Amino acid sequence: MTYDTPLSPRPLSHLTQEAQPRLLTAAALREHGISAAAADERCRPGGPWQLLLPGVYLLRPGPPTSDERLRAALLYAGGECPSIPAQQGNVDCTGRTLAAGLRARTPSGAAASAASAAPYCPPPEVPDAMITGLAALTLHGFTGAPPLRTLDRIDVLVPRTRRPRSTGCVHIVRGQSLPDPEEITGLPVAPVARALADTVAGLTDAGVVRRLLLESVRNGHCEAGAVVGELLRARLLGRPHVREAVDALVAESRALAEGLLYEMVFRHRLPDPCWNVELRLPGGPRLGGVDAYWPEQAVALELDTRTPRPHLDGDAQWSEYARKREALEGLGITVVHLTPGKLREGLGQQAAIVRTALMTAVEREPAEYVTVTPR
C-alpha cells in the first residue's frame, strides 16, 4: 500500500452535499478515502473541484468567496482546518472521524460507556497560524483597508519554525513569538497593533502608512503605545516615512485623550481645573507638568500617553512618571493617573475617581504651596 492509497473506498458525494465552506486538505481527503490522483482528476478543467493552493481543495466549482480564500490560506499555512463531515460520524480538524478519535482516546470500563454516549470534544488550541496584514485590518473594520475581494495578497502569520513558503495569494510572515489571536467571523486574526506592523513592513507609501496609523487611534482600535511598541519590535522606526507617521500618531493620540478629558470634566460637572500647567516650588525647582490641577484641593491629573522610544526602555520611561509622582505626593499633592483607554471605556467611572480625590481633600494634611504656570 502506498501513501496515496485510499484507506477505504467511499463515494465522493458525501463531500459535496454539505454546507459551506467546502475546503479540505489533501491529507484530510486521504482520511476520507480520496487519493491524490482521484482529487486531481476532479480538479481538471470543467471538473467539480479546484485546487486553490498546494494541498488545499475547494470542493465546488466557481470562484472562491473571500471567506474561502482566507480559510484556504490558513489551511495551507497549517492553521485552522475547517472540517467537512465524513460519511460516517463527524470529522475533527485533522480529517479523522470522531468515532475513530473516540476509539483512540476512550478509556475502558465505565468511562468508555460514558464516552460512547457523548461525542468527543477536543480542547481548543491556540492556532499555529493567523490572518495578519491588510486582510486582518479589513476584518478589524478599518475603513482605510481595501475590501477582502480586492486583495491579491493574504498575509498569514506563523511561528518562525514553520516551513510553508509564500505561494499564490498567500504571503507567509514568520514571527519569533505569536500574539494571542482574536476571533473574527470564526477566523484567528492578529491583534490590530501586530496586524498594523505587518502591514507597514510592506508599505512604502507614506500617506497610506499615516492614514492607517491614525485610524487605529481615531476609531479606538488600539492604543498608540501598542502600535509603536510593535513597530519598534519589528525595527520599522528607522524608516523615515514610518517615523513621521508615528509622530503624527502620538500627537493624534494625545489630542484625542485631551478631548476626552475635557469632556469628562464638563459632562460630569467637575470643578474647573487649571489646564495643562507646570508646577514649581516657590523660588525652587520645577516639579513637572500635569494635564489638570485643582489648586484648592491640591489634586493633579496626568494622562499617561507614553509610547516606546528606541533610546529609552519601558522601565526608564516609567521611572520618569514615578519620580514626578513621588515628588508631588511628597508635597501632599494627590496625583490621579489616567490612560486614554480608561477614558474611552467609561468617562463616568473616571470622573467618579477624580471627584472622590477632590472630595477627600479636606481629610488630608494641607499640601505645600506650589506655583502654577502655563505649560
Protein backbone atom coordinates (compact mmCIF):
# COMPACT_ATOMS: atom_id res chain seq x y z
CA MET A 1 0.00 0.00 0.00
CA THR A 2 1.38 3.37 -0.99
CA TYR A 3 0.98 6.68 0.83
CA ASP A 4 -1.70 7.80 -1.61
CA THR A 5 -3.76 4.63 -1.41
CA PRO A 6 -7.27 5.34 -0.03
CA LEU A 7 -7.90 3.95 3.42
CA SER A 8 -11.29 2.63 2.33
CA PRO A 9 -13.40 3.01 -0.81
CA ARG A 10 -16.11 5.59 -0.20
CA PRO A 11 -18.37 7.51 -2.56
CA LEU A 12 -17.44 11.17 -3.10
CA SER A 13 -20.95 12.53 -2.78
CA HIS A 14 -20.72 12.97 0.99
CA LEU A 15 -18.03 15.63 0.43
CA THR A 16 -20.15 17.81 -1.82
CA GLN A 17 -23.53 17.70 -0.15
CA GLU A 18 -22.65 19.70 2.94
CA ALA A 19 -22.93 23.45 3.63
CA GLN A 20 -20.12 25.92 3.02
CA PRO A 21 -17.21 26.19 3.41
CA ARG A 22 -16.23 23.14 1.34
CA LEU A 23 -12.50 23.19 1.89
CA LEU A 24 -10.29 20.23 2.65
CA THR A 25 -6.59 19.44 2.59
CA ALA A 26 -5.02 16.58 0.69
CA ALA A 27 -4.25 14.85 3.98
CA ALA A 28 -7.87 15.13 5.10
CA LEU A 29 -9.07 13.82 1.74
CA ARG A 30 -6.91 10.74 2.18
CA GLU A 31 -8.60 10.18 5.53
CA HIS A 32 -11.89 10.27 3.63
CA GLY A 33 -10.58 7.62 1.26
CA ILE A 34 -9.80 10.00 -1.60
CA SER A 35 -6.40 9.53 -3.22
CA ALA A 36 -4.35 12.39 -4.64
CA ALA A 37 -4.95 11.03 -8.15
CA ALA A 38 -8.72 10.99 -7.61
CA ALA A 39 -8.67 14.54 -6.21
CA ASP A 40 -6.56 15.81 -9.12
CA GLU A 41 -8.91 14.13 -11.57
CA ARG A 42 -11.84 16.09 -10.17
CA CYS A 43 -9.82 19.34 -10.42
CA ARG A 44 -9.34 19.15 -14.19
CA PRO A 45 -10.86 21.96 -16.30
CA GLY A 46 -14.63 21.68 -16.08
CA GLY A 47 -14.41 19.39 -13.05
CA PRO A 48 -16.43 19.80 -9.83
CA TRP A 49 -13.44 20.63 -7.60
CA GLN A 50 -10.50 23.01 -7.79
CA LEU A 51 -7.06 23.26 -6.23
CA LEU A 52 -6.89 26.68 -4.53
CA LEU A 53 -3.42 26.29 -3.00
CA PRO A 54 -0.93 23.44 -2.83
CA GLY A 55 -2.68 20.69 -0.89
CA VAL A 56 -5.90 22.72 -0.35
CA TYR A 57 -9.02 21.83 -2.35
CA LEU A 58 -12.29 23.68 -2.83
CA LEU A 59 -14.96 21.04 -3.30
CA ARG A 60 -17.10 23.03 -5.71
CA PRO A 61 -16.69 24.89 -8.99
CA GLY A 62 -16.71 28.66 -9.37
CA PRO A 63 -14.66 31.48 -7.87
CA PRO A 64 -13.90 31.15 -4.14
CA THR A 65 -15.51 33.61 -1.75
CA SER A 66 -13.42 35.93 0.41
CA ASP A 67 -14.07 33.69 3.40
CA GLU A 68 -12.96 30.62 1.47
CA ARG A 69 -9.75 32.34 0.36
CA LEU A 70 -8.92 33.24 3.97
CA ARG A 71 -9.67 29.75 5.23
CA ALA A 72 -7.68 28.19 2.42
CA ALA A 73 -4.70 30.39 3.31
CA LEU A 74 -4.90 29.21 6.92
CA LEU A 75 -5.20 25.58 5.84
CA TYR A 76 -2.14 25.91 3.63
CA ALA A 77 -0.14 27.55 6.43
CA GLY A 78 -1.13 24.81 8.84
CA GLY A 79 -3.56 26.76 10.97
CA GLU A 80 -7.30 26.39 11.25
CA CYS A 81 -8.77 23.36 9.46
CA PRO A 82 -12.48 23.72 8.75
CA SER A 83 -13.93 20.22 8.73
CA ILE A 84 -16.38 18.53 6.40
CA PRO A 85 -18.46 15.73 7.92
CA ALA A 86 -17.47 12.28 6.81
CA GLN A 87 -19.85 9.62 5.56
CA GLN A 88 -19.95 8.06 9.00
CA GLY A 89 -19.62 10.33 12.00
CA ASN A 90 -18.23 13.82 12.28
CA VAL A 91 -14.70 14.78 11.36
CA ASP A 92 -12.24 16.63 13.57
CA CYS A 93 -9.75 19.21 12.33
CA THR A 94 -7.34 16.52 11.09
CA GLY A 95 -9.97 14.88 8.93
CA ARG A 96 -10.43 11.82 11.18
CA THR A 97 -13.87 10.72 12.17
CA LEU A 98 -14.81 11.37 15.76
CA ALA A 99 -15.63 7.73 16.12
CA ALA A 100 -12.00 6.89 15.33
CA GLY A 101 -10.86 9.57 17.72
CA LEU A 102 -13.02 8.09 20.44
CA ARG A 103 -11.58 4.64 19.89
CA ALA A 104 -8.09 6.07 20.25
CA ARG A 105 -8.79 8.16 23.35
CA THR A 106 -11.57 6.44 25.30
CA PRO A 107 -10.58 4.57 28.50
CA SER A 108 -12.06 1.21 29.33
CA GLY A 109 -14.91 0.39 31.69
CA ALA A 110 -17.46 2.92 32.89
CA ALA A 111 -15.54 5.78 31.37
CA ALA A 112 -15.82 4.10 27.97
CA SER A 113 -19.58 3.80 28.34
CA ALA A 114 -19.85 7.47 29.24
CA ALA A 115 -17.65 8.46 26.34
CA SER A 116 -19.73 6.44 23.89
CA ALA A 117 -22.82 8.36 24.98
CA ALA A 118 -21.38 11.77 24.10
CA PRO A 119 -19.13 12.83 21.21
CA TYR A 120 -15.53 13.61 21.98
CA CYS A 121 -14.79 17.34 22.03
CA PRO A 122 -11.05 18.04 22.00
CA PRO A 123 -9.95 21.08 23.97
CA PRO A 124 -9.42 24.24 21.92
CA GLU A 125 -5.84 25.00 20.98
CA VAL A 126 -4.14 28.23 20.06
CA PRO A 127 -3.80 28.16 16.25
CA ASP A 128 -0.37 27.95 14.70
CA ALA A 129 -1.35 30.50 12.04
CA MET A 130 -3.45 33.64 11.92
CA ILE A 131 -4.50 36.24 9.38
CA THR A 132 -2.44 39.42 9.58
CA GLY A 133 -1.58 42.42 7.39
CA LEU A 134 -4.18 44.27 5.32
CA ALA A 135 -6.63 41.36 5.39
CA ALA A 136 -6.58 41.45 9.19
CA LEU A 137 -7.13 45.22 9.23
CA THR A 138 -10.13 44.77 6.93
CA LEU A 139 -11.54 42.15 9.29
CA HIS A 140 -10.99 44.52 12.22
CA GLY A 141 -13.12 47.10 10.40
CA PHE A 142 -10.52 49.58 9.12
CA THR A 143 -12.12 51.87 6.56
CA GLY A 144 -8.69 52.59 5.08
CA ALA A 145 -8.08 48.91 4.30
CA PRO A 146 -9.32 47.54 0.95
CA PRO A 147 -12.23 45.06 0.68
CA LEU A 148 -11.23 41.43 1.02
CA ARG A 149 -12.37 40.58 -2.51
CA THR A 150 -9.86 43.06 -3.98
CA LEU A 151 -6.83 41.79 -2.08
CA ASP A 152 -4.36 39.91 -4.24
CA ARG A 153 -2.26 39.05 -1.17
CA ILE A 154 -3.25 37.47 2.12
CA ASP A 155 -0.66 37.67 4.90
CA VAL A 156 -0.57 34.71 7.27
CA LEU A 157 1.47 34.92 10.47
CA VAL A 158 3.16 31.67 11.53
CA PRO A 159 5.88 30.71 14.03
CA ARG A 160 9.42 31.08 12.77
CA THR A 161 9.88 27.31 12.93
CA ARG A 162 7.08 26.58 10.45
CA ARG A 163 8.14 25.61 6.93
CA PRO A 164 5.41 26.73 4.45
CA ARG A 165 6.53 29.16 1.77
CA SER A 166 4.67 32.03 0.19
CA THR A 167 2.72 30.92 -2.86
CA GLY A 168 -0.13 32.24 -4.93
CA CYS A 169 -2.07 34.83 -2.94
CA VAL A 170 -0.59 33.67 0.37
CA HIS A 171 2.33 35.59 1.85
CA ILE A 172 3.89 33.86 4.85
CA VAL A 173 5.01 36.15 7.68
CA ARG A 174 7.18 34.45 10.27
CA GLY A 175 7.42 35.67 13.85
CA GLN A 176 9.61 34.75 16.79
CA SER A 177 6.55 34.79 19.05
CA LEU A 178 2.92 34.97 18.04
CA PRO A 179 0.35 37.11 19.87
CA ASP A 180 -2.92 35.69 21.07
CA PRO A 181 -5.25 35.87 18.08
CA GLU A 182 -8.68 37.46 18.10
CA GLU A 183 -11.58 35.52 16.60
CA ILE A 184 -13.40 37.39 13.83
CA THR A 185 -16.03 35.60 11.71
CA GLY A 186 -14.68 32.35 13.11
CA LEU A 187 -11.11 33.04 11.95
CA PRO A 188 -7.96 33.60 14.03
CA VAL A 189 -6.84 37.17 13.34
CA ALA A 190 -3.77 39.01 14.63
CA PRO A 191 -4.48 41.89 17.05
CA VAL A 192 -4.64 45.34 15.50
CA ALA A 193 -1.19 46.50 16.62
CA ARG A 194 0.54 43.40 15.23
CA ALA A 195 -1.50 43.49 12.01
CA LEU A 196 -0.52 47.15 11.55
CA ALA A 197 3.18 46.38 12.00
CA ASP A 198 3.00 43.53 9.49
CA THR A 199 1.15 45.80 7.07
CA VAL A 200 3.55 48.73 7.43
CA ALA A 201 6.52 46.40 6.84
CA GLY A 202 5.38 46.02 3.23
CA LEU A 203 4.29 49.62 2.53
CA THR A 204 6.36 52.43 1.04
CA ASP A 205 3.56 54.97 0.56
CA ALA A 206 3.91 57.46 3.43
CA GLY A 207 0.32 58.65 3.02
CA VAL A 208 -1.14 55.16 3.36
CA VAL A 209 1.01 54.39 6.41
CA ARG A 210 -0.05 57.63 8.07
CA ARG A 211 -3.76 57.07 7.37
CA LEU A 212 -3.74 53.53 8.75
CA LEU A 213 -1.84 54.50 11.91
CA LEU A 214 -4.11 57.47 12.59
CA GLU A 215 -7.25 55.40 12.05
CA SER A 216 -6.07 52.91 14.66
CA VAL A 217 -6.40 55.53 17.41
CA ARG A 218 -9.17 57.70 15.94
CA ASN A 219 -11.56 54.77 15.75
CA GLY A 220 -10.45 53.29 19.07
CA HIS A 221 -8.97 50.10 17.63
CA CYS A 222 -5.96 50.17 19.96
CA GLU A 223 -3.62 52.38 21.96
CA ALA A 224 -0.85 54.34 20.26
CA GLY A 225 1.69 52.81 22.63
CA ALA A 226 0.80 49.29 21.49
CA VAL A 227 1.25 50.26 17.84
CA VAL A 228 4.59 51.99 18.43
CA GLY A 229 5.76 49.02 20.51
CA GLU A 230 5.05 46.60 17.66
CA LEU A 231 6.74 48.90 15.13
CA LEU A 232 9.76 49.14 17.42
CA ARG A 233 9.96 45.36 17.81
CA ALA A 234 9.73 44.98 14.04
CA ARG A 235 12.60 47.51 13.66
CA LEU A 236 10.49 49.74 11.42
CA LEU A 237 11.02 53.06 13.23
CA GLY A 238 14.26 53.59 11.34
CA ARG A 239 12.32 54.21 8.13
CA PRO A 240 11.74 57.97 7.71
CA HIS A 241 8.15 57.69 6.44
CA VAL A 242 7.24 55.38 9.34
CA ARG A 243 8.89 57.65 11.90
CA GLU A 244 6.95 60.66 10.57
CA ALA A 245 3.69 58.69 10.69
CA VAL A 246 4.44 57.68 14.29
CA ASP A 247 4.99 61.32 15.27
CA ALA A 248 1.55 62.12 13.84
CA LEU A 249 0.09 59.08 15.61
CA VAL A 250 1.43 60.16 19.01
CA ALA A 251 0.18 63.72 18.52
CA GLU A 252 -3.25 62.46 17.44
CA SER A 253 -3.48 60.10 20.40
CA ARG A 254 -2.58 62.93 22.77
CA ALA A 255 -5.15 65.30 21.25
CA LEU A 256 -7.91 62.67 21.41
CA ALA A 257 -7.10 61.88 25.04
CA GLU A 258 -7.16 65.56 25.99
CA GLY A 259 -10.52 65.93 24.25
CA LEU A 260 -11.92 63.07 26.31
CA LEU A 261 -10.51 64.64 29.46
CA TYR A 262 -12.24 67.97 28.74
CA GLU A 263 -15.47 66.10 28.01
CA MET A 264 -15.21 64.18 31.28
CA VAL A 265 -14.78 67.36 33.35
CA PHE A 266 -17.62 69.29 31.73
CA ARG A 267 -20.11 66.47 31.17
CA HIS A 268 -19.84 65.25 34.76
CA ARG A 269 -19.79 68.76 36.25
CA LEU A 270 -16.40 68.59 37.94
CA PRO A 271 -14.89 71.87 39.19
CA ASP A 272 -12.90 73.73 36.55
CA PRO A 273 -9.17 72.95 36.91
CA CYS A 274 -6.12 74.77 35.68
CA TRP A 275 -5.47 73.08 32.34
CA ASN A 276 -2.06 71.93 31.10
CA VAL A 277 0.13 73.63 33.67
CA GLU A 278 3.57 73.30 35.20
CA LEU A 279 4.08 73.08 38.96
CA ARG A 280 7.08 74.59 40.77
CA LEU A 281 8.14 75.20 44.31
CA PRO A 282 8.24 78.96 45.02
CA GLY A 283 11.73 80.02 44.03
CA GLY A 284 12.66 76.37 43.75
CA PRO A 285 13.00 73.62 41.17
CA ARG A 286 10.49 72.58 38.53
CA LEU A 287 8.28 69.74 39.72
CA GLY A 288 6.83 68.81 36.35
CA GLY A 289 3.86 69.39 34.12
CA VAL A 290 0.36 68.00 34.63
CA ASP A 291 -2.72 67.98 32.41
CA ALA A 292 -5.09 69.40 35.05
CA TYR A 293 -4.64 70.82 38.53
CA TRP A 294 -7.15 71.83 41.21
CA PRO A 295 -5.18 74.22 43.48
CA GLU A 296 -7.74 74.39 46.30
CA GLN A 297 -7.85 70.63 46.68
CA ALA A 298 -4.19 70.03 45.67
CA VAL A 299 -5.22 67.36 43.15
CA ALA A 300 -3.23 66.87 39.96
CA LEU A 301 -4.35 64.78 36.99
CA GLU A 302 -1.95 63.30 34.49
CA LEU A 303 -2.67 61.48 31.23
CA ASP A 304 -0.41 58.54 30.53
CA THR A 305 0.22 58.75 26.78
CA ARG A 306 3.68 57.24 26.88
CA THR A 307 4.93 55.41 23.79
CA PRO A 308 8.06 53.27 23.49
CA ARG A 309 11.12 55.09 22.23
CA PRO A 310 14.21 53.43 20.71
CA HIS A 311 16.63 55.24 23.05
CA LEU A 312 14.63 54.68 26.23
CA ASP A 313 13.24 51.40 27.51
CA GLY A 314 9.92 50.95 29.27
CA ASP A 315 11.43 50.93 32.75
CA ALA A 316 13.19 54.24 32.14
CA GLN A 317 10.01 55.81 30.79
CA TRP A 318 8.03 54.65 33.79
CA SER A 319 10.69 55.99 36.15
CA GLU A 320 10.13 59.48 34.75
CA TYR A 321 6.49 59.31 35.76
CA ALA A 322 7.30 57.65 39.06
CA ARG A 323 9.82 60.33 40.09
CA LYS A 324 7.41 63.14 39.32
CA ARG A 325 4.55 61.43 41.13
CA GLU A 326 6.73 60.74 44.17
CA ALA A 327 7.83 64.37 44.32
CA LEU A 328 4.29 65.72 44.09
CA GLU A 329 2.84 63.28 46.61
CA GLY A 330 5.71 64.10 48.95
CA LEU A 331 4.38 67.66 48.98
CA GLY A 332 0.88 66.49 49.83
CA ILE A 333 -0.49 66.70 46.26
CA THR A 334 -2.79 63.87 45.19
CA VAL A 335 -1.97 62.60 41.69
CA VAL A 336 -4.68 60.91 39.61
CA HIS A 337 -3.22 58.83 36.81
CA LEU A 338 -5.48 58.13 33.77
CA THR A 339 -4.90 56.48 30.40
CA PRO A 340 -6.70 57.17 27.11
CA GLY A 341 -8.07 53.64 27.21
CA LYS A 342 -9.69 54.16 30.60
CA LEU A 343 -11.30 57.38 29.40
CA ARG A 344 -12.71 55.65 26.33
CA GLU A 345 -14.05 52.75 28.36
CA GLY A 346 -16.05 54.94 30.72
CA LEU A 347 -15.92 58.67 31.37
CA GLY A 348 -18.33 58.34 34.27
CA GLN A 349 -16.15 55.88 36.14
CA GLN A 350 -13.05 58.02 35.71
CA ALA A 351 -14.98 61.16 36.72
CA ALA A 352 -16.01 59.38 39.93
CA ILE A 353 -12.35 58.68 40.70
CA VAL A 354 -11.43 62.33 40.24
CA ARG A 355 -14.47 63.52 42.25
CA THR A 356 -13.51 61.22 45.13
CA ALA A 357 -9.99 62.66 45.16
CA LEU A 358 -11.41 66.19 45.25
CA MET A 359 -13.95 65.47 47.99
CA THR A 360 -11.44 63.75 50.28
CA ALA A 361 -9.01 66.66 50.10
CA VAL A 362 -10.39 68.06 53.39
CA GLU A 363 -9.41 64.84 55.15
CA ARG A 364 -5.74 65.15 54.19
CA GLU A 365 -2.98 67.29 55.61
CA PRO A 366 -2.65 70.64 53.80
CA ALA A 367 -0.31 70.43 50.84
CA GLU A 368 2.78 72.55 50.36
CA TYR A 369 2.24 75.72 48.35
CA VAL A 370 3.29 75.44 44.73
CA THR A 371 3.24 77.95 41.90
CA VAL A 372 1.16 77.15 38.82
CA THR A 373 2.26 78.43 35.41
CA PRO A 374 1.01 77.63 31.87
CA ARG A 375 2.93 74.85 30.17
